[in-house]
Amino acid sequence: MQKNTTFAQKIFENFMELDKNRIATGNTKEDYLARKKFISDFYALWIAANTTKHIFNKSLNSFIEVKYLSLNETAGKAAYNYKSTLAVTFLTEILENAKIQKDKKGNPMFENPKPNVKNQARFSKIFTMYYEKTALGKIKLTVGELRGSRQKVQYCITAIEND
């Protein structure tokens, strides 16, 4: 365990099953909170290593920015599921290689933001993209386009359970 681990964290870790990346694998509230912290810590390290805070996506032909909203939304949603938490560890790969859905004419498909979702209010479009990761499966990347600037912002990452 790390030197700065609190007594409470030590107790939780003794009762939680962790994988080799130290991600909690169970379904308790403590597991959810541990995964949420893992995701927040991962984003902090990613941002420190990627100071531009954006990655070019070939399919979207645009940079995808990583902002506080990206961390906040992903940590809240992905932490519910172990596979989604694990998917976050492939952030750069997902941002670079996720494929946008296209219509029959080859135009990028998008949705309008949900009117009752406060976090989506700043977006003019919501793009749903997918990335297939060997041994993990399909990963969904949601990207919002900011009103005015048209800047693309990573909104959320989740693993898609196999049907």
Protein backbone atom coordinates (compact mmCIF):
# COMPACT_ATOMS: atom_id res chain seq x y z
CA MET A 1 0.00 0.00 0.00
CA GLN A 2 1.06 3.58 -0.56
CA LYS A 3 2.51 5.62 2.31
CA ASN A 4 -0.36 8.14 2.23
CA THR A 5 -3.08 5.49 2.51
CA THR A 6 -5.50 6.31 5.33
CA PHE A 7 -6.57 3.80 7.93
CA ALA A 8 -10.09 3.69 6.42
CA GLN A 9 -8.65 2.97 2.96
CA LYS A 10 -6.59 0.10 4.39
CA ILE A 11 -9.71 -1.40 5.94
CA PHE A 12 -11.71 -1.07 2.70
CA GLU A 13 -8.88 -2.62 0.68
CA ASN A 14 -8.75 -5.59 3.03
CA PHE A 15 -12.40 -6.34 2.23
CA MET A 16 -12.42 -5.42 -1.46
CA GLU A 17 -11.14 -7.55 -4.28
CA LEU A 18 -8.72 -5.58 -6.44
CA ASP A 19 -7.33 -6.46 -9.85
CA LYS A 20 -3.66 -6.04 -10.83
CA ASN A 21 -4.31 -2.32 -11.53
CA ARG A 22 -5.78 -1.97 -8.03
CA ILE A 23 -9.29 -1.45 -9.40
CA ALA A 24 -12.07 -2.72 -7.14
CA THR A 25 -13.95 -5.57 -8.83
CA GLY A 26 -17.01 -5.94 -6.57
CA ASN A 27 -20.43 -4.33 -6.57
CA THR A 28 -20.64 -2.69 -3.16
CA LYS A 29 -20.92 1.03 -2.47
CA GLU A 30 -17.30 0.95 -1.28
CA ASP A 31 -16.23 -0.63 -4.59
CA TYR A 32 -18.07 2.11 -6.50
CA LEU A 33 -16.39 4.83 -4.42
CA ALA A 34 -12.97 3.19 -4.85
CA ARG A 35 -13.45 2.99 -8.63
CA LYS A 36 -14.60 6.63 -8.74
CA LYS A 37 -11.43 7.67 -6.91
CA PHE A 38 -9.33 5.49 -9.23
CA ILE A 39 -10.83 7.24 -12.28
CA SER A 40 -10.25 10.71 -10.77
CA ASP A 41 -6.65 9.82 -9.94
CA PHE A 42 -6.14 8.38 -13.44
CA TYR A 43 -7.41 11.56 -15.11
CA ALA A 44 -5.12 13.68 -12.91
CA LEU A 45 -2.11 11.61 -14.03
CA TRP A 46 -3.29 11.67 -17.67
CA ILE A 47 -3.66 15.47 -17.65
CA ALA A 48 -0.20 15.86 -16.07
CA ALA A 49 1.29 13.70 -18.85
CA ASN A 50 -0.81 15.28 -21.64
CA THR A 51 -0.54 18.99 -20.92
CA THR A 52 -2.37 20.00 -24.12
CA LYS A 53 -5.37 18.07 -22.75
CA HIS A 54 -6.50 16.99 -26.21
CA ILE A 55 -5.99 14.11 -28.66
CA PHE A 56 -6.66 14.13 -32.40
CA ASN A 57 -9.39 11.71 -33.47
CA LYS A 58 -9.05 10.44 -37.03
CA SER A 59 -12.72 9.54 -37.53
CA LEU A 60 -14.04 12.89 -36.25
CA ASN A 61 -11.13 14.70 -37.95
CA SER A 62 -10.86 16.95 -34.92
CA PHE A 63 -9.17 17.27 -31.57
CA ILE A 64 -11.14 15.93 -28.62
CA GLU A 65 -10.54 18.01 -25.50
CA VAL A 66 -10.43 16.53 -22.01
CA LYS A 67 -11.90 18.90 -19.43
CA TYR A 68 -13.18 18.76 -15.86
CA LEU A 69 -16.60 17.79 -17.24
CA SER A 70 -14.94 14.75 -18.89
CA LEU A 71 -13.54 13.59 -15.57
CA ASN A 72 -16.67 14.36 -13.59
CA GLU A 73 -19.14 12.67 -15.94
CA THR A 74 -16.93 9.63 -16.62
CA ALA A 75 -16.08 9.09 -12.95
CA GLY A 76 -19.76 9.23 -12.03
CA LYS A 77 -20.92 6.82 -14.75
CA ALA A 78 -17.98 4.46 -15.36
CA ALA A 79 -17.41 3.78 -11.66
CA TYR A 80 -20.64 1.75 -11.52
CA ASN A 81 -19.06 -0.96 -13.63
CA TYR A 82 -15.64 -2.59 -13.34
CA LYS A 83 -15.22 -2.97 -17.13
CA SER A 84 -16.04 0.71 -17.69
CA THR A 85 -13.47 1.70 -15.08
CA LEU A 86 -10.89 -0.51 -16.77
CA ALA A 87 -11.80 1.02 -20.15
CA VAL A 88 -10.86 4.49 -18.85
CA THR A 89 -7.24 3.32 -18.53
CA PHE A 90 -7.14 3.24 -22.36
CA LEU A 91 -8.17 6.91 -22.61
CA THR A 92 -5.59 8.02 -25.20
CA GLU A 93 -6.22 4.97 -27.41
CA ILE A 94 -9.99 5.49 -27.23
CA LEU A 95 -9.80 9.22 -27.98
CA GLU A 96 -7.53 8.59 -30.99
CA ASN A 97 -9.28 5.60 -32.51
CA ALA A 98 -13.00 5.68 -31.66
CA LYS A 99 -15.17 5.65 -34.76
CA ILE A 100 -18.08 8.00 -35.25
CA GLN A 101 -21.36 6.58 -36.47
CA LYS A 102 -22.23 7.72 -40.01
CA ASP A 103 -25.47 7.79 -41.96
CA LYS A 104 -25.96 6.15 -45.38
CA LYS A 105 -24.48 9.22 -47.11
CA GLY A 106 -21.35 9.09 -44.95
CA ASN A 107 -22.25 12.12 -42.81
CA PRO A 108 -21.44 11.97 -39.07
CA MET A 109 -24.52 11.15 -37.00
CA PHE A 110 -25.27 13.17 -33.89
CA GLU A 111 -28.02 13.79 -31.37
CA ASN A 112 -29.28 16.97 -29.82
CA PRO A 113 -28.38 17.38 -26.15
CA LYS A 114 -31.01 16.15 -23.70
CA PRO A 115 -32.95 19.25 -22.56
CA ASN A 116 -33.17 18.26 -18.89
CA VAL A 117 -29.49 17.31 -18.48
CA LYS A 118 -27.58 20.28 -17.06
CA ASN A 119 -24.15 18.95 -18.10
CA GLN A 120 -25.26 18.72 -21.74
CA ALA A 121 -26.72 22.26 -21.92
CA ARG A 122 -23.44 23.75 -23.19
CA PHE A 123 -23.38 21.44 -26.23
CA SER A 124 -25.02 21.93 -29.62
CA LYS A 125 -24.43 18.30 -30.69
CA ILE A 126 -23.70 14.98 -29.00
CA PHE A 127 -21.68 12.38 -30.94
CA THR A 128 -21.71 8.71 -29.96
CA MET A 129 -18.52 6.92 -30.98
CA TYR A 130 -17.32 3.36 -30.48
CA TYR A 131 -13.98 1.66 -30.06
CA GLU A 132 -13.40 -2.09 -30.06
CA LYS A 133 -10.70 -3.14 -27.58
CA THR A 134 -9.38 -6.69 -27.70
CA ALA A 135 -10.10 -8.59 -24.46
CA LEU A 136 -12.40 -5.78 -23.24
CA GLY A 137 -15.02 -5.44 -25.97
CA LYS A 138 -16.90 -2.43 -27.27
CA ILE A 139 -16.31 0.92 -25.58
CA LYS A 140 -18.66 3.87 -26.00
CA LEU A 141 -17.19 7.38 -26.17
CA THR A 142 -19.62 10.28 -25.94
CA VAL A 143 -18.35 13.61 -27.29
CA GLY A 144 -20.12 16.95 -27.09
CA GLU A 145 -19.63 19.88 -29.46
CA LEU A 146 -19.58 23.19 -27.58
CA ARG A 147 -21.95 25.89 -28.76
CA GLY A 148 -20.16 28.74 -30.50
CA SER A 149 -16.58 27.45 -30.55
CA ARG A 150 -17.59 24.02 -31.95
CA GLN A 151 -14.81 22.54 -29.80
CA LYS A 152 -15.23 18.77 -29.26
CA VAL A 153 -15.15 17.71 -25.59
CA GLN A 154 -14.99 14.17 -24.24
CA TYR A 155 -18.19 13.75 -22.25
CA CYS A 156 -18.17 10.14 -21.07
CA ILE A 157 -16.57 6.71 -21.55
CA THR A 158 -18.32 3.45 -20.72
CA ALA A 159 -17.83 -0.19 -21.65
CA ILE A 160 -20.71 -1.81 -23.51
CA GLU A 161 -21.71 -5.17 -22.08
CA ASN A 162 -21.87 -7.91 -24.70
CA ASP A 163 -25.38 -8.85 -25.71
